[in-house]
Amino acid sequence: MGVLLDVATLLDAPGAPNATRVGELLGAWLTDCDRLAPVAEESKYNEMHVVGLGVCTLLHRSALAGYEAFRLAVALGAHAPRVELHAEPPSEMLW
């Protein structure tokens, strides 16, 4: 629950988030969130989903130098094989 609170706090803060802090939260998402945790019946999400959405929002808000050249798979490093990336928008995915 710690990383979830950290993400929520940063989402509520004014201005662009600190890129270093967002990177730390991305690392915490990869190592601390259980992707196999059961999802909440009412939302269909678990903590991993919510934190991931928050980190994506923070990345979008960041004023990162070279943002256009950012590659998530490279940023994920050794964790990249554990994260499934899709080119299609979630709204068009067949669940």
Protein backbone atom coordinates (compact mmCIF):
# COMPACT_ATOMS: atom_id res chain seq x y z
CA MET A 1 0.00 0.00 0.00
CA GLY A 2 3.04 2.29 0.43
CA VAL A 3 3.75 2.73 -3.28
CA LEU A 4 0.04 3.35 -3.93
CA LEU A 5 0.03 6.17 -1.38
CA ASP A 6 3.26 7.60 -2.82
CA VAL A 7 1.75 7.64 -6.33
CA ALA A 8 -1.49 9.20 -5.09
CA THR A 9 0.42 11.90 -3.21
CA LEU A 10 2.48 12.78 -6.27
CA LEU A 11 -0.63 12.80 -8.48
CA ASP A 12 -2.20 15.37 -6.13
CA ALA A 13 0.90 17.60 -6.09
CA PRO A 14 0.89 20.70 -8.32
CA GLY A 15 3.20 20.98 -11.32
CA ALA A 16 5.20 18.41 -13.23
CA PRO A 17 6.48 15.50 -11.13
CA ASN A 18 10.18 14.98 -10.54
CA ALA A 19 11.43 12.53 -13.18
CA THR A 20 13.77 10.81 -10.73
CA ARG A 21 10.93 10.20 -8.29
CA VAL A 22 8.71 8.87 -11.07
CA GLY A 23 11.51 6.46 -12.02
CA GLU A 24 11.71 5.29 -8.42
CA LEU A 25 7.97 4.68 -8.38
CA LEU A 26 8.23 2.76 -11.66
CA GLY A 27 10.86 0.55 -10.02
CA ALA A 28 8.67 0.08 -6.94
CA TRP A 29 5.72 -0.83 -9.17
CA LEU A 30 7.84 -3.51 -10.84
CA THR A 31 9.15 -5.02 -7.62
CA ASP A 32 6.50 -4.36 -4.95
CA CYS A 33 3.15 -4.82 -6.70
CA ASP A 34 1.76 -8.34 -7.03
CA ARG A 35 0.44 -8.83 -10.54
CA LEU A 36 -1.23 -12.06 -9.44
CA ALA A 37 -3.18 -10.46 -6.58
CA PRO A 38 -6.94 -10.95 -6.86
CA VAL A 39 -8.85 -8.08 -8.42
CA ALA A 40 -11.53 -6.18 -6.54
CA GLU A 41 -14.96 -7.35 -7.72
CA GLU A 42 -16.43 -3.85 -8.01
CA SER A 43 -13.54 -2.32 -9.98
CA LYS A 44 -11.88 -5.31 -11.70
CA TYR A 45 -8.49 -3.86 -10.66
CA ASN A 46 -5.88 -4.77 -8.09
CA GLU A 47 -3.14 -2.59 -6.59
CA MET A 48 -0.76 -3.40 -9.45
CA HIS A 49 -3.26 -2.04 -11.99
CA VAL A 50 -3.99 1.14 -10.02
CA VAL A 51 -0.34 1.94 -9.34
CA GLY A 52 0.55 1.23 -12.98
CA LEU A 53 -2.15 3.62 -14.17
CA GLY A 54 -0.86 6.25 -11.75
CA VAL A 55 2.74 5.82 -12.89
CA CYS A 56 1.61 6.15 -16.52
CA THR A 57 -0.17 9.39 -15.64
CA LEU A 58 2.92 10.70 -13.86
CA LEU A 59 5.09 9.83 -16.86
CA HIS A 60 2.65 11.67 -19.11
CA ARG A 61 2.84 14.75 -16.86
CA SER A 62 6.62 14.71 -16.63
CA ALA A 63 8.65 17.24 -18.53
CA LEU A 64 11.33 14.75 -19.45
CA ALA A 65 14.18 15.72 -21.70
CA GLY A 66 14.06 13.43 -24.71
CA TYR A 67 10.50 12.37 -23.92
CA GLU A 68 9.87 11.59 -27.60
CA ALA A 69 12.77 9.14 -27.57
CA PHE A 70 11.62 7.41 -24.35
CA ARG A 71 11.25 3.65 -24.70
CA LEU A 72 9.44 1.88 -21.87
CA ALA A 73 11.01 -1.49 -22.65
CA VAL A 74 14.48 0.04 -22.26
CA ALA A 75 13.48 1.80 -19.02
CA LEU A 76 12.16 -1.48 -17.63
CA GLY A 77 15.53 -3.12 -18.24
CA ALA A 78 15.71 -6.68 -16.97
CA HIS A 79 12.04 -6.49 -15.93
CA ALA A 80 10.84 -5.88 -19.51
CA PRO A 81 10.10 -9.55 -20.27
CA ARG A 82 7.68 -9.61 -17.30
CA VAL A 83 5.61 -6.70 -18.66
CA GLU A 84 3.35 -7.22 -21.64
CA LEU A 85 3.30 -4.17 -23.94
CA HIS A 86 0.57 -3.64 -26.51
CA ALA A 87 0.35 -1.13 -29.34
CA GLU A 88 -3.45 -1.12 -29.41
CA PRO A 89 -5.35 1.18 -27.04
CA PRO A 90 -6.93 -0.60 -24.04
CA SER A 91 -10.35 0.60 -25.21
CA GLU A 92 -9.94 -1.54 -28.34
CA MET A 93 -8.67 -4.67 -26.57
CA LEU A 94 -10.84 -7.73 -26.29
CA TRP A 95 -10.95 -8.70 -22.65
